[in-house]
Amino acid sequence: MSRDTCFVVSFNISHEVFGEIIPLPDKMWLANGHIGVLELGGMLCAYTNGYYQRKRTFKLWVLKDYGLKDSWNEVISIVDPDTIIASPKYKSPDGEVLIWCEHFEGEEGEGNSFRTQRGSFTLLPQVNFQNEFAFTESLISPRLLIT
């Protein structure tokens, strides 16, 4: 791996050991912007907010086969010149992804909204959202499950 390669490292919390190294998609680096990694619908996902061909773009990739770098598949690409940053929050059972967006609002300042790949919802009141997460799994410590 080159010095400029970014990757995800797995960690087994039960045995407290590091495991797999999963390189992120090469195409992510074309954006020169914010990147993130998260789990959506049981799948490892990576996303970017950046500029592709001089257009402000949000992209989401899903890793189909763990351990294979070439198995990252781009599943969403949204071009929106008014979006400052976007972050995926939830994937519904039918595959639709809920995305939180912070927007430029011209002379009136910034605004926030939620959207899907199909389009935006109305702007939310001017508040400071921080670290919203949809938890669908148990928050029980894995150590409690060891007999």
N, C-alpha and C. Protein backbone atom coordinates (compact mmCIF):
# COMPACT_ATOMS: atom_id res chain seq x y z
N MET A 1 0.83 -1.18 0.00
CA MET A 1 0.00 0.00 0.00
C MET A 1 0.87 1.24 0.00
N SER A 2 0.44 2.23 -0.74
CA SER A 2 1.20 3.47 -0.76
C SER A 2 0.89 4.29 0.49
N ARG A 3 1.68 5.29 0.73
CA ARG A 3 1.51 6.15 1.89
C ARG A 3 0.20 6.91 1.83
N ASP A 4 -0.32 7.15 0.62
CA ASP A 4 -1.55 7.92 0.45
C ASP A 4 -2.81 7.07 0.48
N THR A 5 -2.69 5.77 0.64
CA THR A 5 -3.85 4.89 0.66
C THR A 5 -4.51 4.93 2.03
N CYS A 6 -5.82 5.06 2.04
CA CYS A 6 -6.57 4.97 3.29
C CYS A 6 -7.32 3.65 3.32
N PHE A 7 -7.57 3.16 4.51
CA PHE A 7 -8.19 1.85 4.64
C PHE A 7 -8.94 1.77 5.96
N VAL A 8 -9.76 0.74 6.08
CA VAL A 8 -10.49 0.43 7.30
C VAL A 8 -9.81 -0.79 7.91
N VAL A 9 -9.61 -0.76 9.22
CA VAL A 9 -9.03 -1.90 9.93
C VAL A 9 -10.11 -2.47 10.84
N SER A 10 -10.33 -3.78 10.76
CA SER A 10 -11.32 -4.40 11.64
C SER A 10 -10.71 -4.63 13.02
N PHE A 11 -11.58 -4.68 14.03
CA PHE A 11 -11.14 -4.91 15.40
C PHE A 11 -12.14 -5.86 16.06
N ASN A 12 -11.66 -7.00 16.53
CA ASN A 12 -12.49 -7.97 17.22
C ASN A 12 -12.56 -7.55 18.68
N ILE A 13 -13.71 -7.03 19.08
CA ILE A 13 -13.85 -6.48 20.43
C ILE A 13 -13.83 -7.57 21.50
N SER A 14 -14.29 -8.78 21.15
CA SER A 14 -14.30 -9.88 22.12
C SER A 14 -12.89 -10.36 22.45
N HIS A 15 -12.04 -10.48 21.42
CA HIS A 15 -10.67 -10.96 21.63
C HIS A 15 -9.65 -9.83 21.70
N GLU A 16 -10.10 -8.60 21.45
CA GLU A 16 -9.25 -7.41 21.50
C GLU A 16 -8.03 -7.53 20.59
N VAL A 17 -8.28 -7.92 19.32
CA VAL A 17 -7.21 -8.01 18.33
C VAL A 17 -7.65 -7.33 17.03
N PHE A 18 -6.68 -6.76 16.33
CA PHE A 18 -6.94 -6.18 15.03
C PHE A 18 -6.97 -7.28 13.99
N GLY A 19 -7.75 -7.07 12.92
CA GLY A 19 -7.88 -8.09 11.90
C GLY A 19 -7.67 -7.54 10.51
N GLU A 20 -8.67 -7.72 9.68
CA GLU A 20 -8.59 -7.37 8.26
C GLU A 20 -8.26 -5.91 8.01
N ILE A 21 -7.52 -5.67 6.94
CA ILE A 21 -7.30 -4.32 6.42
C ILE A 21 -8.05 -4.24 5.10
N ILE A 22 -8.99 -3.30 5.02
CA ILE A 22 -9.82 -3.16 3.83
C ILE A 22 -9.52 -1.81 3.18
N PRO A 23 -8.86 -1.78 2.02
CA PRO A 23 -8.60 -0.51 1.34
C PRO A 23 -9.90 0.13 0.87
N LEU A 24 -9.99 1.45 0.97
CA LEU A 24 -11.15 2.18 0.46
C LEU A 24 -11.04 2.31 -1.05
N PRO A 25 -12.16 2.58 -1.74
CA PRO A 25 -12.12 2.66 -3.21
C PRO A 25 -11.17 3.75 -3.70
N ASP A 26 -10.40 3.45 -4.75
CA ASP A 26 -9.48 4.43 -5.32
C ASP A 26 -10.21 5.67 -5.81
N LYS A 27 -11.40 5.51 -6.35
CA LYS A 27 -12.14 6.64 -6.93
C LYS A 27 -12.52 7.68 -5.89
N MET A 28 -12.47 7.31 -4.61
CA MET A 28 -12.80 8.28 -3.56
C MET A 28 -11.84 9.46 -3.59
N TRP A 29 -10.60 9.23 -3.99
CA TRP A 29 -9.58 10.28 -3.91
C TRP A 29 -9.70 11.29 -5.03
N LEU A 30 -10.54 11.04 -6.01
CA LEU A 30 -10.76 12.02 -7.08
C LEU A 30 -11.54 13.23 -6.59
N ALA A 31 -12.22 13.10 -5.46
CA ALA A 31 -13.11 14.15 -4.98
C ALA A 31 -12.38 15.26 -4.24
N ASN A 32 -11.25 14.97 -3.62
CA ASN A 32 -10.55 15.95 -2.79
C ASN A 32 -11.49 16.60 -1.79
N GLY A 33 -12.19 15.80 -1.03
CA GLY A 33 -13.15 16.34 -0.06
C GLY A 33 -13.26 15.46 1.17
N HIS A 34 -14.35 15.64 1.88
CA HIS A 34 -14.64 14.90 3.10
C HIS A 34 -14.99 13.45 2.78
N ILE A 35 -14.45 12.51 3.56
CA ILE A 35 -14.80 11.10 3.38
C ILE A 35 -15.31 10.54 4.70
N GLY A 36 -16.08 9.46 4.62
CA GLY A 36 -16.59 8.81 5.82
C GLY A 36 -16.83 7.34 5.57
N VAL A 37 -16.92 6.58 6.66
CA VAL A 37 -17.19 5.15 6.60
C VAL A 37 -18.27 4.85 7.63
N LEU A 38 -19.22 3.98 7.27
CA LEU A 38 -20.28 3.62 8.19
C LEU A 38 -20.90 2.30 7.76
N GLU A 39 -21.81 1.80 8.58
CA GLU A 39 -22.56 0.60 8.28
C GLU A 39 -23.99 1.01 7.94
N LEU A 40 -24.48 0.53 6.82
CA LEU A 40 -25.88 0.76 6.43
C LEU A 40 -26.48 -0.58 6.02
N GLY A 41 -27.56 -0.96 6.65
CA GLY A 41 -28.23 -2.19 6.28
C GLY A 41 -27.35 -3.42 6.37
N GLY A 42 -26.41 -3.43 7.31
CA GLY A 42 -25.53 -4.58 7.48
C GLY A 42 -24.34 -4.61 6.53
N MET A 43 -24.17 -3.58 5.72
CA MET A 43 -23.08 -3.53 4.75
C MET A 43 -22.11 -2.39 5.11
N LEU A 44 -20.82 -2.63 4.89
CA LEU A 44 -19.82 -1.58 5.07
C LEU A 44 -19.93 -0.61 3.90
N CYS A 45 -20.04 0.69 4.21
CA CYS A 45 -20.19 1.72 3.18
C CYS A 45 -19.14 2.81 3.38
N ALA A 46 -18.78 3.47 2.30
CA ALA A 46 -17.89 4.62 2.32
C ALA A 46 -18.54 5.71 1.49
N TYR A 47 -18.32 6.98 1.90
CA TYR A 47 -18.91 8.08 1.14
C TYR A 47 -17.96 9.26 1.06
N THR A 48 -18.20 10.11 0.07
CA THR A 48 -17.42 11.33 -0.11
C THR A 48 -18.34 12.51 -0.36
N ASN A 49 -17.86 13.67 0.03
CA ASN A 49 -18.44 14.96 -0.34
C ASN A 49 -17.29 15.72 -0.97
N GLY A 50 -17.38 16.01 -2.22
CA GLY A 50 -16.27 16.68 -2.86
C GLY A 50 -16.62 17.15 -4.25
N TYR A 51 -15.60 17.41 -5.02
CA TYR A 51 -15.78 17.91 -6.38
C TYR A 51 -15.35 16.84 -7.37
N TYR A 52 -16.27 16.44 -8.22
CA TYR A 52 -15.98 15.56 -9.34
C TYR A 52 -16.27 16.37 -10.59
N GLN A 53 -15.28 16.53 -11.43
CA GLN A 53 -15.43 17.30 -12.67
C GLN A 53 -16.03 18.69 -12.40
N ARG A 54 -15.51 19.34 -11.35
CA ARG A 54 -15.90 20.71 -10.96
C ARG A 54 -17.35 20.83 -10.51
N LYS A 55 -17.95 19.74 -10.07
CA LYS A 55 -19.33 19.77 -9.57
C LYS A 55 -19.34 19.21 -8.15
N ARG A 56 -20.03 19.91 -7.25
CA ARG A 56 -20.14 19.45 -5.86
C ARG A 56 -21.00 18.19 -5.85
N THR A 57 -20.41 17.08 -5.38
CA THR A 57 -21.05 15.77 -5.53
C THR A 57 -20.93 14.94 -4.25
N PHE A 58 -22.02 14.23 -3.91
CA PHE A 58 -22.03 13.24 -2.85
C PHE A 58 -22.04 11.87 -3.51
N LYS A 59 -21.14 10.97 -3.06
CA LYS A 59 -21.10 9.61 -3.61
C LYS A 59 -21.07 8.61 -2.46
N LEU A 60 -21.76 7.47 -2.68
CA LEU A 60 -21.81 6.41 -1.69
C LEU A 60 -21.42 5.09 -2.35
N TRP A 61 -20.49 4.37 -1.71
CA TRP A 61 -20.05 3.05 -2.18
C TRP A 61 -20.43 2.01 -1.14
N VAL A 62 -20.72 0.79 -1.61
CA VAL A 62 -21.02 -0.35 -0.74
C VAL A 62 -20.00 -1.45 -1.04
N LEU A 63 -19.45 -2.05 0.02
CA LEU A 63 -18.52 -3.16 -0.14
C LEU A 63 -19.32 -4.45 -0.21
N LYS A 64 -19.29 -5.11 -1.36
CA LYS A 64 -20.08 -6.33 -1.57
C LYS A 64 -19.39 -7.57 -1.02
N ASP A 65 -18.08 -7.70 -1.23
CA ASP A 65 -17.33 -8.87 -0.76
C ASP A 65 -16.16 -8.40 0.09
N TYR A 66 -16.18 -8.74 1.37
CA TYR A 66 -15.11 -8.32 2.27
C TYR A 66 -13.78 -8.92 1.85
N GLY A 67 -12.74 -8.10 1.92
CA GLY A 67 -11.41 -8.56 1.58
C GLY A 67 -11.01 -8.32 0.14
N LEU A 68 -11.96 -7.95 -0.72
CA LEU A 68 -11.65 -7.69 -2.13
C LEU A 68 -11.81 -6.21 -2.41
N LYS A 69 -10.70 -5.54 -2.68
CA LYS A 69 -10.72 -4.09 -2.92
C LYS A 69 -11.61 -3.72 -4.09
N ASP A 70 -11.63 -4.55 -5.12
CA ASP A 70 -12.42 -4.24 -6.32
C ASP A 70 -13.91 -4.50 -6.15
N SER A 71 -14.35 -4.88 -4.95
CA SER A 71 -15.77 -5.14 -4.76
C SER A 71 -16.54 -3.93 -4.22
N TRP A 72 -15.89 -2.76 -4.16
CA TRP A 72 -16.61 -1.53 -3.81
C TRP A 72 -17.47 -1.14 -5.02
N ASN A 73 -18.76 -0.95 -4.80
CA ASN A 73 -19.68 -0.55 -5.86
C ASN A 73 -20.29 0.80 -5.54
N GLU A 74 -20.18 1.73 -6.47
CA GLU A 74 -20.81 3.03 -6.29
C GLU A 74 -22.31 2.86 -6.48
N VAL A 75 -23.10 3.21 -5.45
CA VAL A 75 -24.54 3.01 -5.52
C VAL A 75 -25.33 4.31 -5.60
N ILE A 76 -24.74 5.42 -5.15
CA ILE A 76 -25.42 6.72 -5.21
C ILE A 76 -24.41 7.78 -5.64
N SER A 77 -24.84 8.66 -6.53
CA SER A 77 -24.06 9.83 -6.92
C SER A 77 -25.06 10.97 -7.09
N ILE A 78 -24.95 12.00 -6.25
CA ILE A 78 -25.88 13.13 -6.29
C ILE A 78 -25.08 14.41 -6.50
N VAL A 79 -25.37 15.12 -7.57
CA VAL A 79 -24.75 16.41 -7.84
C VAL A 79 -25.70 17.48 -7.33
N ASP A 80 -25.21 18.33 -6.41
CA ASP A 80 -26.04 19.40 -5.84
C ASP A 80 -25.13 20.57 -5.50
N PRO A 81 -25.18 21.64 -6.28
CA PRO A 81 -24.27 22.77 -6.04
C PRO A 81 -24.53 23.50 -4.72
N ASP A 82 -25.71 23.30 -4.11
CA ASP A 82 -26.04 23.99 -2.87
C ASP A 82 -25.70 23.21 -1.61
N THR A 83 -25.26 21.97 -1.74
CA THR A 83 -24.95 21.14 -0.57
C THR A 83 -23.51 21.37 -0.14
N ILE A 84 -23.34 21.72 1.14
CA ILE A 84 -22.00 21.88 1.71
C ILE A 84 -21.45 20.50 2.05
N ILE A 85 -22.24 19.72 2.77
CA ILE A 85 -21.82 18.39 3.19
C ILE A 85 -23.06 17.50 3.31
N ALA A 86 -22.90 16.23 3.00
CA ALA A 86 -23.98 15.26 3.12
C ALA A 86 -23.46 14.03 3.85
N SER A 87 -24.34 13.40 4.62
CA SER A 87 -23.94 12.23 5.40
C SER A 87 -25.09 11.22 5.43
N PRO A 88 -24.86 9.99 4.97
CA PRO A 88 -25.92 8.98 5.02
C PRO A 88 -26.22 8.60 6.46
N LYS A 89 -27.51 8.39 6.77
CA LYS A 89 -27.91 8.10 8.14
C LYS A 89 -28.62 6.77 8.31
N TYR A 90 -29.37 6.32 7.29
CA TYR A 90 -30.19 5.12 7.46
C TYR A 90 -30.51 4.54 6.09
N LYS A 91 -30.60 3.20 6.03
CA LYS A 91 -31.02 2.52 4.81
C LYS A 91 -32.28 1.74 5.12
N SER A 92 -33.35 2.01 4.40
CA SER A 92 -34.63 1.33 4.63
C SER A 92 -34.59 -0.08 4.06
N PRO A 93 -35.53 -0.93 4.47
CA PRO A 93 -35.56 -2.31 3.95
C PRO A 93 -35.68 -2.38 2.42
N ASP A 94 -36.28 -1.35 1.80
CA ASP A 94 -36.40 -1.36 0.33
C ASP A 94 -35.16 -0.79 -0.36
N GLY A 95 -34.12 -0.45 0.41
CA GLY A 95 -32.86 0.01 -0.17
C GLY A 95 -32.69 1.51 -0.29
N GLU A 96 -33.72 2.28 0.07
CA GLU A 96 -33.61 3.73 -0.03
C GLU A 96 -32.75 4.26 1.12
N VAL A 97 -31.84 5.18 0.81
CA VAL A 97 -30.91 5.72 1.80
C VAL A 97 -31.34 7.12 2.20
N LEU A 98 -31.45 7.35 3.52
CA LEU A 98 -31.77 8.67 4.06
C LEU A 98 -30.45 9.41 4.27
N ILE A 99 -30.35 10.62 3.73
CA ILE A 99 -29.11 11.39 3.75
C ILE A 99 -29.39 12.75 4.40
N TRP A 100 -28.57 13.11 5.40
CA TRP A 100 -28.66 14.43 6.00
C TRP A 100 -27.77 15.37 5.20
N CYS A 101 -28.28 16.58 4.91
CA CYS A 101 -27.52 17.55 4.10
C CYS A 101 -27.49 18.90 4.79
N GLU A 102 -26.36 19.57 4.68
CA GLU A 102 -26.23 20.96 5.08
C GLU A 102 -26.08 21.76 3.80
N HIS A 103 -26.89 22.81 3.65
CA HIS A 103 -26.96 23.56 2.39
C HIS A 103 -26.51 25.00 2.53
N PHE A 104 -26.03 25.55 1.40
CA PHE A 104 -25.88 26.99 1.26
C PHE A 104 -27.28 27.54 1.04
N GLU A 105 -27.58 28.66 1.64
CA GLU A 105 -28.89 29.28 1.44
C GLU A 105 -28.75 30.71 0.93
N GLY A 106 -27.67 31.01 0.26
CA GLY A 106 -27.49 32.35 -0.29
C GLY A 106 -27.38 33.39 0.81
N GLU A 107 -28.13 34.46 0.68
CA GLU A 107 -28.06 35.57 1.63
C GLU A 107 -28.63 35.21 3.00
N GLU A 108 -29.44 34.17 3.08
CA GLU A 108 -30.11 33.83 4.33
C GLU A 108 -29.30 32.86 5.19
N GLY A 109 -28.11 32.52 4.80
CA GLY A 109 -27.29 31.63 5.61
C GLY A 109 -27.42 30.18 5.18
N GLU A 110 -27.20 29.27 6.14
CA GLU A 110 -27.20 27.85 5.85
C GLU A 110 -28.50 27.22 6.31
N GLY A 111 -28.83 26.05 5.74
CA GLY A 111 -30.00 25.30 6.15
C GLY A 111 -29.69 23.81 6.14
N ASN A 112 -30.53 23.05 6.80
CA ASN A 112 -30.36 21.60 6.87
C ASN A 112 -31.57 20.91 6.29
N SER A 113 -31.36 19.75 5.70
CA SER A 113 -32.49 18.97 5.20
C SER A 113 -32.12 17.50 5.19
N PHE A 114 -33.13 16.68 5.07
CA PHE A 114 -32.93 15.26 4.80
C PHE A 114 -33.41 15.00 3.40
N ARG A 115 -32.78 14.06 2.74
CA ARG A 115 -33.16 13.70 1.38
C ARG A 115 -32.89 12.22 1.17
N THR A 116 -33.39 11.72 0.05
CA THR A 116 -33.05 10.38 -0.40
C THR A 116 -32.43 10.55 -1.78
N GLN A 117 -32.12 9.44 -2.45
CA GLN A 117 -31.59 9.58 -3.80
C GLN A 117 -32.65 10.13 -4.75
N ARG A 118 -33.92 10.09 -4.35
CA ARG A 118 -35.01 10.60 -5.20
C ARG A 118 -35.21 12.11 -5.09
N GLY A 119 -34.81 12.71 -3.97
CA GLY A 119 -35.00 14.15 -3.84
C GLY A 119 -35.00 14.61 -2.39
N SER A 120 -35.18 15.93 -2.20
CA SER A 120 -35.09 16.55 -0.88
C SER A 120 -36.44 16.60 -0.19
N PHE A 121 -36.36 16.67 1.15
CA PHE A 121 -37.51 17.00 1.97
C PHE A 121 -37.42 18.49 2.27
N THR A 122 -38.37 19.04 2.99
CA THR A 122 -38.34 20.47 3.30
C THR A 122 -37.18 20.78 4.24
N LEU A 123 -36.75 22.03 4.23
CA LEU A 123 -35.67 22.46 5.11
C LEU A 123 -36.12 22.38 6.56
N LEU A 124 -35.22 21.97 7.43
CA LEU A 124 -35.49 21.87 8.85
C LEU A 124 -35.23 23.21 9.51
N PRO A 125 -35.75 23.41 10.73
CA PRO A 125 -35.45 24.66 11.44
C PRO A 125 -33.95 24.82 11.64
N GLN A 126 -33.51 26.04 11.80
CA GLN A 126 -32.10 26.36 11.96
C GLN A 126 -31.61 25.86 13.32
N VAL A 127 -31.04 24.67 13.36
CA VAL A 127 -30.48 24.11 14.59
C VAL A 127 -29.16 23.44 14.25
N ASN A 128 -28.40 23.14 15.28
CA ASN A 128 -27.10 22.52 15.08
C ASN A 128 -27.21 21.02 15.36
N PHE A 129 -27.32 20.20 14.30
CA PHE A 129 -27.36 18.75 14.44
C PHE A 129 -25.94 18.24 14.60
N GLN A 130 -25.75 17.32 15.53
CA GLN A 130 -24.42 16.73 15.68
C GLN A 130 -24.53 15.24 15.93
N ASN A 131 -23.85 14.48 15.12
CA ASN A 131 -23.69 13.04 15.32
C ASN A 131 -25.00 12.29 15.51
N GLU A 132 -25.92 12.42 14.56
CA GLU A 132 -27.16 11.66 14.61
C GLU A 132 -26.88 10.27 14.08
N PHE A 133 -27.41 9.24 14.74
CA PHE A 133 -27.22 7.87 14.31
C PHE A 133 -28.52 7.12 14.46
N ALA A 134 -28.79 6.18 13.57
CA ALA A 134 -29.92 5.27 13.70
C ALA A 134 -29.38 3.94 14.19
N PHE A 135 -29.73 3.56 15.41
CA PHE A 135 -29.25 2.30 15.97
C PHE A 135 -30.29 1.23 15.76
N THR A 136 -29.93 0.16 15.07
CA THR A 136 -30.85 -0.95 14.84
C THR A 136 -30.35 -2.22 15.49
N GLU A 137 -29.17 -2.20 16.05
CA GLU A 137 -28.59 -3.37 16.69
C GLU A 137 -28.61 -3.19 18.19
N SER A 138 -28.30 -4.23 18.91
CA SER A 138 -28.26 -4.21 20.37
C SER A 138 -27.06 -3.39 20.84
N LEU A 139 -27.23 -2.73 21.97
CA LEU A 139 -26.12 -2.00 22.58
C LEU A 139 -25.55 -2.78 23.76
N ILE A 140 -25.84 -4.08 23.83
CA ILE A 140 -25.32 -4.93 24.89
C ILE A 140 -23.85 -5.22 24.61
N SER A 141 -23.04 -5.17 25.63
CA SER A 141 -21.61 -5.47 25.48
C SER A 141 -21.42 -6.90 25.02
N PRO A 142 -20.56 -7.15 24.01
CA PRO A 142 -20.29 -8.52 23.57
C PRO A 142 -19.70 -9.39 24.68
N ARG A 143 -19.04 -8.77 25.65
CA ARG A 143 -18.45 -9.53 26.76
C ARG A 143 -19.53 -10.24 27.59
N LEU A 144 -20.74 -9.67 27.63
CA LEU A 144 -21.83 -10.29 28.39
C LEU A 144 -22.33 -11.56 27.71
N LEU A 145 -22.04 -11.73 26.42
CA LEU A 145 -22.51 -12.88 25.67
C LEU A 145 -21.56 -14.07 25.75
N ILE A 146 -20.35 -13.85 26.27
CA ILE A 146 -19.35 -14.92 26.37
C ILE A 146 -19.65 -15.74 27.62
N THR A 147 -19.75 -17.05 27.44
CA THR A 147 -20.04 -17.92 28.59
C THR A 147 -18.81 -18.63 29.08
